[in-house]
Amino acid sequence: MSRIMARVSGIVQGVGFRYFVIRKATAYGLRGYVRNCFDGDVEVEAEGDKLMLEQLIEDLGRGPICAKVKNVETEWFDDEKGYRTFTLET
């Protein structure tokens, strides 16, 4: 099991991006959270199967149809924090 911390920039707030991430992460069996950042980015922390995390990163690069993703910065970790579900943080 692995964990990622990702920061997505571009037009990613006000376009349903966080709910898109929740749907994808939940479908992949991942746990963690997604939240808006004050600077207009979206932050994602997710843990679970490495292949599913890689798929989520690809999805973050596309986003929902109204989003315009400019960049996805991703950091990988070997440990997990023990999240139980995937949630929306405010």
C-alpha atoms as a PDB file:
ATOM      1  CA  MET A   1       0.000   0.000   0.000  1.00  0.00           C
ATOM      2  CA  SER A   2       1.096   3.536  -0.774  1.00  0.00           C
ATOM      3  CA  ARG A   3       0.031   7.123  -0.213  1.00  0.00           C
ATOM      4  CA  ILE A   4       0.142  10.248  -2.364  1.00  0.00           C
ATOM      5  CA  MET A   5      -0.197  13.945  -1.724  1.00  0.00           C
ATOM      6  CA  ALA A   6      -1.224  15.811  -4.871  1.00  0.00           C
ATOM      7  CA  ARG A   7      -1.791  19.471  -5.602  1.00  0.00           C
ATOM      8  CA  VAL A   8      -3.792  20.316  -8.710  1.00  0.00           C
ATOM      9  CA  SER A   9      -3.630  23.786 -10.247  1.00  0.00           C
ATOM     10  CA  GLY A  10      -5.580  25.492 -12.998  1.00  0.00           C
ATOM     11  CA  ILE A  11      -9.322  26.104 -13.176  1.00  0.00           C
ATOM     12  CA  VAL A  12     -10.179  23.484 -10.574  1.00  0.00           C
ATOM     13  CA  GLN A  13     -12.478  25.261  -8.129  1.00  0.00           C
ATOM     14  CA  GLY A  14     -16.155  25.880  -8.837  1.00  0.00           C
ATOM     15  CA  VAL A  15     -16.263  23.190 -11.541  1.00  0.00           C
ATOM     16  CA  GLY A  16     -17.130  20.074  -9.506  1.00  0.00           C
ATOM     17  CA  PHE A  17     -13.511  18.941  -9.245  1.00  0.00           C
ATOM     18  CA  ARG A  18     -13.676  17.779  -5.616  1.00  0.00           C
ATOM     19  CA  TYR A  19     -16.785  15.684  -6.253  1.00  0.00           C
ATOM     20  CA  PHE A  20     -15.131  14.211  -9.359  1.00  0.00           C
ATOM     21  CA  VAL A  21     -12.164  13.185  -7.183  1.00  0.00           C
ATOM     22  CA  ILE A  22     -14.429  11.662  -4.524  1.00  0.00           C
ATOM     23  CA  ARG A  23     -16.241   9.557  -7.148  1.00  0.00           C
ATOM     24  CA  LYS A  24     -12.997   8.329  -8.714  1.00  0.00           C
ATOM     25  CA  ALA A  25     -11.181   7.628  -5.441  1.00  0.00           C
ATOM     26  CA  THR A  26     -14.170   5.792  -3.977  1.00  0.00           C
ATOM     27  CA  ALA A  27     -14.544   3.692  -7.139  1.00  0.00           C
ATOM     28  CA  TYR A  28     -10.862   2.725  -6.855  1.00  0.00           C
ATOM     29  CA  GLY A  29     -11.193   1.762  -3.195  1.00  0.00           C
ATOM     30  CA  LEU A  30      -8.885   4.565  -2.044  1.00  0.00           C
ATOM     31  CA  ARG A  31      -9.056   6.416   1.266  1.00  0.00           C
ATOM     32  CA  GLY A  32      -8.107   9.986   2.155  1.00  0.00           C
ATOM     33  CA  TYR A  33      -9.499  13.444   1.408  1.00  0.00           C
ATOM     34  CA  VAL A  34      -9.834  16.260  -1.104  1.00  0.00           C
ATOM     35  CA  ARG A  35     -10.078  19.968  -0.299  1.00  0.00           C
ATOM     36  CA  ASN A  36      -9.874  23.411  -1.844  1.00  0.00           C
ATOM     37  CA  CYS A  37      -6.814  25.531  -1.092  1.00  0.00           C
ATOM     38  CA  PHE A  38      -6.935  29.275  -0.506  1.00  0.00           C
ATOM     39  CA  ASP A  39      -4.800  29.940  -3.609  1.00  0.00           C
ATOM     40  CA  GLY A  40      -7.286  28.267  -5.991  1.00  0.00           C
ATOM     41  CA  ASP A  41      -5.592  24.855  -6.126  1.00  0.00           C
ATOM     42  CA  VAL A  42      -7.098  21.559  -4.969  1.00  0.00           C
ATOM     43  CA  GLU A  43      -5.236  19.257  -2.560  1.00  0.00           C
ATOM     44  CA  VAL A  44      -5.687  15.486  -2.574  1.00  0.00           C
ATOM     45  CA  GLU A  45      -4.272  12.974  -0.116  1.00  0.00           C
ATOM     46  CA  ALA A  46      -5.051   9.368  -0.966  1.00  0.00           C
ATOM     47  CA  GLU A  47      -3.816   5.972   0.139  1.00  0.00           C
ATOM     48  CA  GLY A  48      -4.347   2.434  -1.055  1.00  0.00           C
ATOM     49  CA  ASP A  49      -3.270   0.207  -3.926  1.00  0.00           C
ATOM     50  CA  LYS A  50      -0.420   1.725  -5.965  1.00  0.00           C
ATOM     51  CA  LEU A  51      -2.029   0.947  -9.333  1.00  0.00           C
ATOM     52  CA  MET A  52      -5.255   2.627  -8.246  1.00  0.00           C
ATOM     53  CA  LEU A  53      -3.309   5.664  -7.031  1.00  0.00           C
ATOM     54  CA  GLU A  54      -1.604   5.888 -10.425  1.00  0.00           C
ATOM     55  CA  GLN A  55      -5.025   5.793 -12.091  1.00  0.00           C
ATOM     56  CA  LEU A  56      -6.272   8.550  -9.782  1.00  0.00           C
ATOM     57  CA  ILE A  57      -3.278  10.716 -10.726  1.00  0.00           C
ATOM     58  CA  GLU A  58      -4.183  10.295 -14.402  1.00  0.00           C
ATOM     59  CA  ASP A  59      -7.756  11.316 -13.591  1.00  0.00           C
ATOM     60  CA  LEU A  60      -6.510  14.373 -11.685  1.00  0.00           C
ATOM     61  CA  GLY A  61      -4.705  15.461 -14.848  1.00  0.00           C
ATOM     62  CA  ARG A  62      -7.954  15.370 -16.797  1.00  0.00           C
ATOM     63  CA  GLY A  63     -10.529  16.451 -14.227  1.00  0.00           C
ATOM     64  CA  PRO A  64     -14.240  16.887 -14.940  1.00  0.00           C
ATOM     65  CA  ILE A  65     -15.321  18.393 -18.249  1.00  0.00           C
ATOM     66  CA  CYS A  66     -15.471  22.024 -17.020  1.00  0.00           C
ATOM     67  CA  ALA A  67     -12.032  21.940 -15.367  1.00  0.00           C
ATOM     68  CA  LYS A  68      -8.845  23.154 -17.031  1.00  0.00           C
ATOM     69  CA  VAL A  69      -6.001  21.387 -15.238  1.00  0.00           C
ATOM     70  CA  LYS A  70      -2.688  23.176 -15.615  1.00  0.00           C
ATOM     71  CA  ASN A  71      -0.454  21.039 -13.383  1.00  0.00           C
ATOM     72  CA  VAL A  72      -0.538  18.097 -10.972  1.00  0.00           C
ATOM     73  CA  GLU A  73       2.305  17.954  -8.441  1.00  0.00           C
ATOM     74  CA  THR A  74       2.471  14.557  -6.767  1.00  0.00           C
ATOM     75  CA  GLU A  75       4.548  13.281  -3.875  1.00  0.00           C
ATOM     76  CA  TRP A  76       4.661   9.551  -3.030  1.00  0.00           C
ATOM     77  CA  PHE A  77       4.977   8.038   0.453  1.00  0.00           C
ATOM     78  CA  ASP A  78       5.529   4.443   1.589  1.00  0.00           C
ATOM     79  CA  ASP A  79       3.453   4.791   4.742  1.00  0.00           C
ATOM     80  CA  GLU A  80      -0.271   5.185   5.272  1.00  0.00           C
ATOM     81  CA  LYS A  81      -2.127   7.404   7.735  1.00  0.00           C
ATOM     82  CA  GLY A  82      -4.991   4.958   8.221  1.00  0.00           C
ATOM     83  CA  TYR A  83      -7.884   6.854   6.645  1.00  0.00           C
ATOM     84  CA  ARG A  84     -11.109   4.841   6.707  1.00  0.00           C
ATOM     85  CA  THR A  85     -12.959   6.499   3.820  1.00  0.00           C
ATOM     86  CA  PHE A  86     -12.457   9.163   1.182  1.00  0.00           C
ATOM     87  CA  THR A  87     -13.916  12.491   2.335  1.00  0.00           C
ATOM     88  CA  LEU A  88     -14.432  16.111   1.423  1.00  0.00           C
ATOM     89  CA  GLU A  89     -12.597  18.448   3.794  1.00  0.00           C
ATOM     90  CA  THR A  90     -13.505  22.096   4.089  1.00  0.00           C
END
